[in-house]
Amino acid sequence: MSAIVRHELSSYFTNLSGYVFGTFLLLFAGIYTMVYNLQSATTNFEYVLGSMSFVFLVIVPILTMRVLAEERRQRTDQLLYSLPITMTQVVLGKFLALMVVFLVPLAIISLYPIVLSAFGNINMAASFGPIAGFFCLGAALIAIGVYISSITESQAVAAGVCFVIMLVNYFLGDLADMMSPTAFSSVSILVVTALVVCLAVYLMTKNGFLALVLAACMTGGLMVTYALDSSVFEGLVSGILEKLSLFEWFYILVNGVFDLRCVVFLLSVAGVFLFLSVQSMEKRRWSE
């Protein structure tokens, strides 16, 4: 696995992707530090990280688009399958290389509160807690990018899909605020979602009977629950959307509350998508 890490690191630092990633991150960190901490004379460095979280929408697709998609396009993934290592080690090696590229500029950003402390009273705990959260958020988003790259052989498609997914996730909190909290609207959205899921099951399995049974069970269960106690659905969809937003979990840390659940959730998301990436690679390995 160490050979995979070294190979990936050399590729990132012999072309522009690693430098673009680091430059973009440091550029916005510098801009927001100047605006918040220097011009406005505030001591809250955590607001810098909260405001610049949107940069992940651009830098993660750029960084992850080629990690596995390029291997598939050039057919060099066949070499990976022949190596005396497992697909888990391949995916983890590539992911660790990406995290090293991410940690280099983040390590520099971690020095900002220390430098600022020479000019004011900086709360180090309130600053480094969000830095840890920023790392966990980056790990989760990079893992999602790795998975998207594993299911396509086009870098452009991987980058585009990754950008759209992260853009939607970024605005999930705002979307949750706009959702109607009524029970009827929530159950309606859940019924439509259930039908879409059943349609996806049909398209993947070509089994109409299975899709119909699944649709009947899901929609029937929702309707029965709504009839028995409609209050269960009040604000349910907006709550689900807010919980699905990785950025909303990160903002909890930015607001000065170091909730360990946020760290566990973000790292769990990273683990789930790395697992899915391994399964995607295994599926392609045995289908070719």
C-alpha atoms as a PDB file:
ATOM      1  CA  MET A   1       0.000   0.000   0.000  1.00  0.00           C
ATOM      2  CA  SER A   2       2.902   2.345   0.683  1.00  0.00           C
ATOM      3  CA  ALA A   3       3.929   2.015  -2.971  1.00  0.00           C
ATOM      4  CA  ILE A   4       0.439   3.173  -4.020  1.00  0.00           C
ATOM      5  CA  VAL A   5       0.703   6.174  -1.683  1.00  0.00           C
ATOM      6  CA  ARG A   6       4.138   7.156  -2.998  1.00  0.00           C
ATOM      7  CA  HIS A   7       3.059   6.748  -6.615  1.00  0.00           C
ATOM      8  CA  GLU A   8      -0.043   8.885  -6.114  1.00  0.00           C
ATOM      9  CA  LEU A   9       1.847  11.577  -4.238  1.00  0.00           C
ATOM     10  CA  SER A  10       4.452  11.800  -6.985  1.00  0.00           C
ATOM     11  CA  SER A  11       1.709  12.160  -9.598  1.00  0.00           C
ATOM     12  CA  TYR A  12      -0.030  14.950  -7.655  1.00  0.00           C
ATOM     13  CA  PHE A  13       3.162  16.924  -7.188  1.00  0.00           C
ATOM     14  CA  THR A  14       4.522  16.414 -10.704  1.00  0.00           C
ATOM     15  CA  ASN A  15       1.421  17.948 -12.286  1.00  0.00           C
ATOM     16  CA  LEU A  16      -0.693  20.938 -11.339  1.00  0.00           C
ATOM     17  CA  SER A  17      -3.571  19.252  -9.461  1.00  0.00           C
ATOM     18  CA  GLY A  18      -1.855  19.121  -6.059  1.00  0.00           C
ATOM     19  CA  TYR A  19      -0.559  22.665  -6.363  1.00  0.00           C
ATOM     20  CA  VAL A  20      -3.917  24.021  -7.575  1.00  0.00           C
ATOM     21  CA  PHE A  21      -5.629  22.359  -4.616  1.00  0.00           C
ATOM     22  CA  GLY A  22      -3.209  23.805  -2.075  1.00  0.00           C
ATOM     23  CA  THR A  23      -3.074  27.248  -3.681  1.00  0.00           C
ATOM     24  CA  PHE A  24      -6.863  27.530  -3.847  1.00  0.00           C
ATOM     25  CA  LEU A  25      -7.267  26.519  -0.201  1.00  0.00           C
ATOM     26  CA  LEU A  26      -4.546  28.849   1.054  1.00  0.00           C
ATOM     27  CA  LEU A  27      -5.772  31.722  -1.117  1.00  0.00           C
ATOM     28  CA  PHE A  28      -9.242  31.738   0.423  1.00  0.00           C
ATOM     29  CA  ALA A  29      -7.884  31.080   3.906  1.00  0.00           C
ATOM     30  CA  GLY A  30      -5.707  34.168   3.503  1.00  0.00           C
ATOM     31  CA  ILE A  31      -8.552  36.288   2.123  1.00  0.00           C
ATOM     32  CA  TYR A  32     -11.007  35.390   4.888  1.00  0.00           C
ATOM     33  CA  THR A  33      -8.358  35.743   7.597  1.00  0.00           C
ATOM     34  CA  MET A  34      -7.603  39.233   6.336  1.00  0.00           C
ATOM     35  CA  VAL A  35     -11.293  40.172   6.200  1.00  0.00           C
ATOM     36  CA  TYR A  36     -12.423  38.641   9.498  1.00  0.00           C
ATOM     37  CA  ASN A  37      -9.380  38.786  11.741  1.00  0.00           C
ATOM     38  CA  LEU A  38      -7.300  41.669  10.434  1.00  0.00           C
ATOM     39  CA  GLN A  39      -9.678  44.221   8.916  1.00  0.00           C
ATOM     40  CA  SER A  40     -12.603  43.514  11.267  1.00  0.00           C
ATOM     41  CA  ALA A  41     -10.258  42.958  14.240  1.00  0.00           C
ATOM     42  CA  THR A  42     -12.114  39.868  15.489  1.00  0.00           C
ATOM     43  CA  THR A  43     -10.480  36.999  17.350  1.00  0.00           C
ATOM     44  CA  ASN A  44     -12.767  34.262  16.021  1.00  0.00           C
ATOM     45  CA  PHE A  45     -10.613  32.293  13.591  1.00  0.00           C
ATOM     46  CA  GLU A  46     -13.284  29.579  13.418  1.00  0.00           C
ATOM     47  CA  TYR A  47     -15.457  31.898  11.305  1.00  0.00           C
ATOM     48  CA  VAL A  48     -12.755  31.820   8.645  1.00  0.00           C
ATOM     49  CA  LEU A  49     -13.135  28.058   8.276  1.00  0.00           C
ATOM     50  CA  GLY A  50     -16.919  28.274   8.300  1.00  0.00           C
ATOM     51  CA  SER A  51     -16.966  30.874   5.533  1.00  0.00           C
ATOM     52  CA  MET A  52     -14.440  29.127   3.301  1.00  0.00           C
ATOM     53  CA  SER A  53     -16.052  25.679   3.476  1.00  0.00           C
ATOM     54  CA  PHE A  54     -17.551  26.315   0.037  1.00  0.00           C
ATOM     55  CA  VAL A  55     -14.099  25.887  -1.526  1.00  0.00           C
ATOM     56  CA  PHE A  56     -14.587  22.129  -1.208  1.00  0.00           C
ATOM     57  CA  LEU A  57     -17.166  22.409  -4.012  1.00  0.00           C
ATOM     58  CA  VAL A  58     -14.346  23.259  -6.419  1.00  0.00           C
ATOM     59  CA  ILE A  59     -11.184  21.695  -5.046  1.00  0.00           C
ATOM     60  CA  VAL A  60     -12.522  18.220  -4.222  1.00  0.00           C
ATOM     61  CA  PRO A  61     -13.830  17.493  -7.772  1.00  0.00           C
ATOM     62  CA  ILE A  62     -10.531  18.741  -9.225  1.00  0.00           C
ATOM     63  CA  LEU A  63      -8.475  16.621  -6.838  1.00  0.00           C
ATOM     64  CA  THR A  64     -10.465  13.376  -7.021  1.00  0.00           C
ATOM     65  CA  MET A  65     -11.693  13.300 -10.632  1.00  0.00           C
ATOM     66  CA  ARG A  66      -8.717  11.302 -11.908  1.00  0.00           C
ATOM     67  CA  VAL A  67      -7.931   9.100  -8.927  1.00  0.00           C
ATOM     68  CA  LEU A  68      -9.722   5.993 -10.264  1.00  0.00           C
ATOM     69  CA  ALA A  69     -11.473   7.211 -13.418  1.00  0.00           C
ATOM     70  CA  GLU A  70      -8.153   7.753 -15.182  1.00  0.00           C
ATOM     71  CA  GLU A  71      -6.996   4.251 -14.269  1.00  0.00           C
ATOM     72  CA  ARG A  72     -10.123   2.839 -15.891  1.00  0.00           C
ATOM     73  CA  ARG A  73      -9.879   5.030 -19.004  1.00  0.00           C
ATOM     74  CA  GLN A  74      -6.256   4.098 -19.680  1.00  0.00           C
ATOM     75  CA  ARG A  75      -6.904   0.441 -18.742  1.00  0.00           C
ATOM     76  CA  THR A  76      -4.125   0.638 -16.151  1.00  0.00           C
ATOM     77  CA  ASP A  77      -6.627  -0.653 -13.616  1.00  0.00           C
ATOM     78  CA  GLN A  78      -5.745  -4.115 -14.937  1.00  0.00           C
ATOM     79  CA  LEU A  79      -2.290  -3.614 -13.411  1.00  0.00           C
ATOM     80  CA  LEU A  80      -3.893  -2.811 -10.066  1.00  0.00           C
ATOM     81  CA  TYR A  81      -5.863  -6.056 -10.195  1.00  0.00           C
ATOM     82  CA  SER A  82      -2.652  -8.008 -10.793  1.00  0.00           C
ATOM     83  CA  LEU A  83      -0.805  -6.512  -7.829  1.00  0.00           C
ATOM     84  CA  PRO A  84      -0.340  -8.738  -4.756  1.00  0.00           C
ATOM     85  CA  ILE A  85      -2.547  -6.432  -2.681  1.00  0.00           C
ATOM     86  CA  THR A  86      -6.273  -6.218  -2.090  1.00  0.00           C
ATOM     87  CA  MET A  87      -8.626  -3.613  -3.554  1.00  0.00           C
ATOM     88  CA  THR A  88      -9.040  -2.282  -0.021  1.00  0.00           C
ATOM     89  CA  GLN A  89      -5.344  -1.481   0.086  1.00  0.00           C
ATOM     90  CA  VAL A  90      -5.494   0.136  -3.366  1.00  0.00           C
ATOM     91  CA  VAL A  91      -8.402   2.398  -2.413  1.00  0.00           C
ATOM     92  CA  LEU A  92      -6.937   3.233   0.997  1.00  0.00           C
ATOM     93  CA  GLY A  93      -3.552   3.985  -0.585  1.00  0.00           C
ATOM     94  CA  LYS A  94      -5.090   6.429  -3.042  1.00  0.00           C
ATOM     95  CA  PHE A  95      -7.259   7.964  -0.317  1.00  0.00           C
ATOM     96  CA  LEU A  96      -4.298   8.416   2.035  1.00  0.00           C
ATOM     97  CA  ALA A  97      -2.340  10.136  -0.737  1.00  0.00           C
ATOM     98  CA  LEU A  98      -5.260  12.522  -1.249  1.00  0.00           C
ATOM     99  CA  MET A  99      -5.390  13.210   2.478  1.00  0.00           C
ATOM    100  CA  VAL A 100      -1.677  14.027   2.529  1.00  0.00           C
ATOM    101  CA  VAL A 101      -2.232  16.538  -0.272  1.00  0.00           C
ATOM    102  CA  PHE A 102      -5.097  17.998   1.775  1.00  0.00           C
ATOM    103  CA  LEU A 103      -3.103  18.051   5.016  1.00  0.00           C
ATOM    104  CA  VAL A 104      -0.196  20.067   3.593  1.00  0.00           C
ATOM    105  CA  PRO A 105      -2.161  23.333   3.166  1.00  0.00           C
ATOM    106  CA  LEU A 106      -4.276  22.543   6.246  1.00  0.00           C
ATOM    107  CA  ALA A 107      -1.106  22.289   8.340  1.00  0.00           C
ATOM    108  CA  ILE A 108      -0.133  25.769   7.145  1.00  0.00           C
ATOM    109  CA  ILE A 109      -3.629  27.074   7.943  1.00  0.00           C
ATOM    110  CA  SER A 110      -3.286  25.590  11.442  1.00  0.00           C
ATOM    111  CA  LEU A 111      -0.455  28.063  12.073  1.00  0.00           C
ATOM    112  CA  TYR A 112      -2.747  31.064  11.511  1.00  0.00           C
ATOM    113  CA  PRO A 113      -4.288  31.094  15.021  1.00  0.00           C
ATOM    114  CA  ILE A 114      -0.812  30.855  16.543  1.00  0.00           C
ATOM    115  CA  VAL A 115       0.402  33.814  14.481  1.00  0.00           C
ATOM    116  CA  LEU A 116      -2.763  35.805  15.243  1.00  0.00           C
ATOM    117  CA  SER A 117      -2.352  35.133  18.967  1.00  0.00           C
ATOM    118  CA  ALA A 118       0.634  37.512  18.903  1.00  0.00           C
ATOM    119  CA  PHE A 119      -1.769  40.355  18.090  1.00  0.00           C
ATOM    120  CA  GLY A 120      -4.797  39.432  20.220  1.00  0.00           C
ATOM    121  CA  ASN A 121      -6.425  36.918  22.522  1.00  0.00           C
ATOM    122  CA  ILE A 122      -7.229  33.931  20.308  1.00  0.00           C
ATOM    123  CA  ASN A 123      -9.230  31.088  21.829  1.00  0.00           C
ATOM    124  CA  MET A 124      -7.094  28.143  20.737  1.00  0.00           C
ATOM    125  CA  ALA A 125      -9.684  25.516  21.677  1.00  0.00           C
ATOM    126  CA  ALA A 126     -12.368  27.324  19.645  1.00  0.00           C
ATOM    127  CA  SER A 127      -9.926  27.607  16.728  1.00  0.00           C
ATOM    128  CA  PHE A 128      -8.444  24.121  16.593  1.00  0.00           C
ATOM    129  CA  GLY A 129     -11.778  22.354  17.175  1.00  0.00           C
ATOM    130  CA  PRO A 130     -13.129  23.649  13.831  1.00  0.00           C
ATOM    131  CA  ILE A 131      -9.776  22.871  12.201  1.00  0.00           C
ATOM    132  CA  ALA A 132     -10.266  19.241  13.255  1.00  0.00           C
ATOM    133  CA  GLY A 133     -13.819  19.438  11.916  1.00  0.00           C
ATOM    134  CA  PHE A 134     -12.530  20.935   8.663  1.00  0.00           C
ATOM    135  CA  PHE A 135     -10.234  17.946   8.328  1.00  0.00           C
ATOM    136  CA  CYS A 136     -13.091  15.500   8.948  1.00  0.00           C
ATOM    137  CA  LEU A 137     -15.337  17.341   6.480  1.00  0.00           C
ATOM    138  CA  GLY A 138     -12.580  17.195   3.878  1.00  0.00           C
ATOM    139  CA  ALA A 139     -12.077  13.475   4.517  1.00  0.00           C
ATOM    140  CA  ALA A 140     -15.794  12.785   4.012  1.00  0.00           C
ATOM    141  CA  LEU A 141     -16.034  14.847   0.822  1.00  0.00           C
ATOM    142  CA  ILE A 142     -12.824  13.390  -0.622  1.00  0.00           C
ATOM    143  CA  ALA A 143     -14.131   9.857   0.069  1.00  0.00           C
ATOM    144  CA  ILE A 144     -17.313  10.738  -1.833  1.00  0.00           C
ATOM    145  CA  GLY A 145     -15.173  12.024  -4.714  1.00  0.00           C
ATOM    146  CA  VAL A 146     -13.145   8.804  -4.734  1.00  0.00           C
ATOM    147  CA  TYR A 147     -16.331   6.742  -4.979  1.00  0.00           C
ATOM    148  CA  ILE A 148     -17.704   8.838  -7.853  1.00  0.00           C
ATOM    149  CA  SER A 149     -14.376   8.483  -9.655  1.00  0.00           C
ATOM    150  CA  SER A 150     -14.571   4.698  -9.202  1.00  0.00           C
ATOM    151  CA  ILE A 151     -17.857   4.360 -11.106  1.00  0.00           C
ATOM    152  CA  THR A 152     -16.860   6.207 -14.285  1.00  0.00           C
ATOM    153  CA  GLU A 153     -13.926   6.328 -16.672  1.00  0.00           C
ATOM    154  CA  SER A 154     -14.367   9.988 -17.631  1.00  0.00           C
ATOM    155  CA  GLN A 155     -12.613  12.612 -15.535  1.00  0.00           C
ATOM    156  CA  ALA A 156     -15.037  15.285 -16.749  1.00  0.00           C
ATOM    157  CA  VAL A 157     -18.064  13.219 -15.748  1.00  0.00           C
ATOM    158  CA  ALA A 158     -16.513  12.402 -12.361  1.00  0.00           C
ATOM    159  CA  ALA A 159     -15.762  16.077 -11.696  1.00  0.00           C
ATOM    160  CA  GLY A 160     -19.204  17.220 -12.863  1.00  0.00           C
ATOM    161  CA  VAL A 161     -21.157  14.655 -10.848  1.00  0.00           C
ATOM    162  CA  CYS A 162     -18.992  15.291  -7.793  1.00  0.00           C
ATOM    163  CA  PHE A 163     -19.566  19.051  -8.064  1.00  0.00           C
ATOM    164  CA  VAL A 164     -23.354  18.652  -8.390  1.00  0.00           C
ATOM    165  CA  ILE A 165     -23.586  16.271  -5.423  1.00  0.00           C
ATOM    166  CA  MET A 166     -21.508  18.551  -3.208  1.00  0.00           C
ATOM    167  CA  LEU A 167     -23.412  21.636  -4.348  1.00  0.00           C
ATOM    168  CA  VAL A 168     -26.707  19.977  -3.408  1.00  0.00           C
ATOM    169  CA  ASN A 169     -25.262  18.863  -0.073  1.00  0.00           C
ATOM    170  CA  TYR A 170     -23.972  22.387   0.577  1.00  0.00           C
ATOM    171  CA  PHE A 171     -27.463  23.859   0.199  1.00  0.00           C
ATOM    172  CA  LEU A 172     -29.356  21.051   1.965  1.00  0.00           C
ATOM    173  CA  GLY A 173     -29.525  23.107   5.154  1.00  0.00           C
ATOM    174  CA  ASP A 174     -31.128  26.037   3.302  1.00  0.00           C
ATOM    175  CA  LEU A 175     -33.463  23.641   1.510  1.00  0.00           C
ATOM    176  CA  ALA A 176     -34.503  22.147   4.854  1.00  0.00           C
ATOM    177  CA  ASP A 177     -35.429  25.614   6.115  1.00  0.00           C
ATOM    178  CA  MET A 178     -37.671  26.167   3.085  1.00  0.00           C
ATOM    179  CA  MET A 179     -39.517  22.870   3.459  1.00  0.00           C
ATOM    180  CA  SER A 180     -43.059  22.972   4.812  1.00  0.00           C
ATOM    181  CA  PRO A 181     -43.168  21.412   8.305  1.00  0.00           C
ATOM    182  CA  THR A 182     -46.679  20.020   7.857  1.00  0.00           C
ATOM    183  CA  ALA A 183     -47.241  16.280   8.139  1.00  0.00           C
ATOM    184  CA  PHE A 184     -49.022  16.084   4.768  1.00  0.00           C
ATOM    185  CA  SER A 185     -46.158  17.671   2.828  1.00  0.00           C
ATOM    186  CA  SER A 186     -43.629  15.407   4.568  1.00  0.00           C
ATOM    187  CA  VAL A 187     -45.522  12.196   3.852  1.00  0.00           C
ATOM    188  CA  SER A 188     -46.098  13.298   0.245  1.00  0.00           C
ATOM    189  CA  ILE A 189     -42.381  13.819  -0.303  1.00  0.00           C
ATOM    190  CA  LEU A 190     -41.577  10.482   1.329  1.00  0.00           C
ATOM    191  CA  VAL A 191     -44.102   8.670  -0.882  1.00  0.00           C
ATOM    192  CA  VAL A 192     -42.593  10.218  -4.025  1.00  0.00           C
ATOM    193  CA  THR A 193     -39.100   9.311  -2.788  1.00  0.00           C
ATOM    194  CA  ALA A 194     -40.220   5.726  -2.134  1.00  0.00           C
ATOM    195  CA  LEU A 195     -41.605   5.443  -5.667  1.00  0.00           C
ATOM    196  CA  VAL A 196     -38.356   6.803  -7.131  1.00  0.00           C
ATOM    197  CA  VAL A 197     -36.407   4.215  -5.111  1.00  0.00           C
ATOM    198  CA  CYS A 198     -38.669   1.454  -6.403  1.00  0.00           C
ATOM    199  CA  LEU A 199     -38.153   2.684  -9.962  1.00  0.00           C
ATOM    200  CA  ALA A 200     -34.387   2.561  -9.415  1.00  0.00           C
ATOM    201  CA  VAL A 201     -34.714  -0.993  -8.079  1.00  0.00           C
ATOM    202  CA  TYR A 202     -36.649  -1.973 -11.203  1.00  0.00           C
ATOM    203  CA  LEU A 203     -34.072  -0.399 -13.530  1.00  0.00           C
ATOM    204  CA  MET A 204     -31.240  -2.221 -11.743  1.00  0.00           C
ATOM    205  CA  THR A 205     -32.903  -5.622 -11.359  1.00  0.00           C
ATOM    206  CA  LYS A 206     -35.450  -5.634 -14.243  1.00  0.00           C
ATOM    207  CA  ASN A 207     -37.757  -7.371 -11.771  1.00  0.00           C
ATOM    208  CA  GLY A 208     -41.160  -5.713 -11.976  1.00  0.00           C
ATOM    209  CA  PHE A 209     -42.740  -7.919  -9.317  1.00  0.00           C
ATOM    210  CA  LEU A 210     -40.038  -7.050  -6.777  1.00  0.00           C
ATOM    211  CA  ALA A 211     -40.413  -3.333  -7.535  1.00  0.00           C
ATOM    212  CA  LEU A 212     -44.204  -3.482  -7.169  1.00  0.00           C
ATOM    213  CA  VAL A 213     -44.043  -5.388  -3.867  1.00  0.00           C
ATOM    214  CA  LEU A 214     -41.449  -2.951  -2.545  1.00  0.00           C
ATOM    215  CA  ALA A 215     -43.563   0.029  -3.650  1.00  0.00           C
ATOM    216  CA  ALA A 216     -46.692  -1.423  -2.019  1.00  0.00           C
ATOM    217  CA  CYS A 217     -44.861  -2.093   1.252  1.00  0.00           C
ATOM    218  CA  MET A 218     -43.164   1.302   1.443  1.00  0.00           C
ATOM    219  CA  THR A 219     -46.123   3.458   0.425  1.00  0.00           C
ATOM    220  CA  GLY A 220     -48.537   1.307   2.430  1.00  0.00           C
ATOM    221  CA  GLY A 221     -46.403   1.605   5.523  1.00  0.00           C
ATOM    222  CA  LEU A 222     -46.218   5.385   5.148  1.00  0.00           C
ATOM    223  CA  MET A 223     -49.976   5.699   4.644  1.00  0.00           C
ATOM    224  CA  VAL A 224     -50.819   3.487   7.634  1.00  0.00           C
ATOM    225  CA  THR A 225     -48.395   5.397   9.885  1.00  0.00           C
ATOM    226  CA  TYR A 226     -49.848   8.710   8.683  1.00  0.00           C
ATOM    227  CA  ALA A 227     -53.387   7.520   9.404  1.00  0.00           C
ATOM    228  CA  LEU A 228     -52.493   6.309  12.902  1.00  0.00           C
ATOM    229  CA  ASP A 229     -50.365   9.268  13.988  1.00  0.00           C
ATOM    230  CA  SER A 230     -49.753  12.079  11.500  1.00  0.00           C
ATOM    231  CA  SER A 231     -47.707  14.055  14.040  1.00  0.00           C
ATOM    232  CA  VAL A 232     -44.808  11.668  13.382  1.00  0.00           C
ATOM    233  CA  PHE A 233     -44.274  13.323   9.994  1.00  0.00           C
ATOM    234  CA  GLU A 234     -44.334  16.950  11.192  1.00  0.00           C
ATOM    235  CA  GLY A 235     -40.998  18.503  10.216  1.00  0.00           C
ATOM    236  CA  LEU A 236     -39.615  15.045   9.429  1.00  0.00           C
ATOM    237  CA  VAL A 237     -38.326  15.733   5.911  1.00  0.00           C
ATOM    238  CA  SER A 238     -36.667  19.029   6.849  1.00  0.00           C
ATOM    239  CA  GLY A 239     -34.999  17.297   9.795  1.00  0.00           C
ATOM    240  CA  ILE A 240     -33.716  14.490   7.568  1.00  0.00           C
ATOM    241  CA  LEU A 241     -32.349  16.927   4.997  1.00  0.00           C
ATOM    242  CA  GLU A 242     -30.538  18.912   7.673  1.00  0.00           C
ATOM    243  CA  LYS A 243     -28.988  15.761   9.122  1.00  0.00           C
ATOM    244  CA  LEU A 244     -27.816  14.656   5.666  1.00  0.00           C
ATOM    245  CA  SER A 245     -25.900  17.887   5.111  1.00  0.00           C
ATOM    246  CA  LEU A 246     -22.249  17.311   5.937  1.00  0.00           C
ATOM    247  CA  PHE A 247     -21.701  21.061   6.059  1.00  0.00           C
ATOM    248  CA  GLU A 248     -24.383  21.531   8.732  1.00  0.00           C
ATOM    249  CA  TRP A 249     -22.550  19.043  10.954  1.00  0.00           C
ATOM    250  CA  PHE A 250     -19.355  21.019  10.424  1.00  0.00           C
ATOM    251  CA  TYR A 251     -21.075  24.317  11.288  1.00  0.00           C
ATOM    252  CA  ILE A 252     -21.905  22.917  14.722  1.00  0.00           C
ATOM    253  CA  LEU A 253     -18.154  22.807  15.416  1.00  0.00           C
ATOM    254  CA  VAL A 254     -17.683  26.274  13.952  1.00  0.00           C
ATOM    255  CA  ASN A 255     -20.302  27.650  16.348  1.00  0.00           C
ATOM    256  CA  GLY A 256     -18.131  26.688  19.287  1.00  0.00           C
ATOM    257  CA  VAL A 257     -19.678  23.363  20.259  1.00  0.00           C
ATOM    258  CA  PHE A 258     -17.215  20.495  19.935  1.00  0.00           C
ATOM    259  CA  ASP A 259     -19.767  17.735  19.568  1.00  0.00           C
ATOM    260  CA  LEU A 260     -18.030  14.390  19.149  1.00  0.00           C
ATOM    261  CA  ARG A 261     -21.055  13.160  17.182  1.00  0.00           C
ATOM    262  CA  CYS A 262     -20.084  15.532  14.370  1.00  0.00           C
ATOM    263  CA  VAL A 263     -16.612  13.999  14.097  1.00  0.00           C
ATOM    264  CA  VAL A 264     -18.000  10.456  14.280  1.00  0.00           C
ATOM    265  CA  PHE A 265     -20.652  11.175  11.639  1.00  0.00           C
ATOM    266  CA  LEU A 266     -18.224  12.784   9.169  1.00  0.00           C
ATOM    267  CA  LEU A 267     -15.640  10.025   9.573  1.00  0.00           C
ATOM    268  CA  SER A 268     -18.391   7.402   9.265  1.00  0.00           C
ATOM    269  CA  VAL A 269     -19.474   8.931   5.949  1.00  0.00           C
ATOM    270  CA  ALA A 270     -15.855   8.740   4.777  1.00  0.00           C
ATOM    271  CA  GLY A 271     -15.700   5.081   5.811  1.00  0.00           C
ATOM    272  CA  VAL A 272     -18.972   4.209   4.047  1.00  0.00           C
ATOM    273  CA  PHE A 273     -17.920   5.739   0.744  1.00  0.00           C
ATOM    274  CA  LEU A 274     -14.485   4.159   0.894  1.00  0.00           C
ATOM    275  CA  PHE A 275     -16.225   0.816   1.419  1.00  0.00           C
ATOM    276  CA  LEU A 276     -18.443   1.513  -1.600  1.00  0.00           C
ATOM    277  CA  SER A 277     -15.340   2.399  -3.633  1.00  0.00           C
ATOM    278  CA  VAL A 278     -13.768  -0.934  -2.736  1.00  0.00           C
ATOM    279  CA  GLN A 279     -16.951  -2.760  -3.742  1.00  0.00           C
ATOM    280  CA  SER A 280     -17.047  -0.864  -7.038  1.00  0.00           C
ATOM    281  CA  MET A 281     -13.460  -1.884  -7.779  1.00  0.00           C
ATOM    282  CA  GLU A 282     -14.122  -5.494  -6.793  1.00  0.00           C
ATOM    283  CA  LYS A 283     -17.196  -5.649  -9.012  1.00  0.00           C
ATOM    284  CA  ARG A 284     -15.253  -4.358 -12.017  1.00  0.00           C
ATOM    285  CA  ARG A 285     -12.356  -6.659 -11.217  1.00  0.00           C
ATOM    286  CA  TRP A 286     -14.449  -9.803 -11.443  1.00  0.00           C
ATOM    287  CA  SER A 287     -16.596  -8.633 -14.356  1.00  0.00           C
ATOM    288  CA  GLU A 288     -13.636  -8.132 -16.683  1.00  0.00           C
END
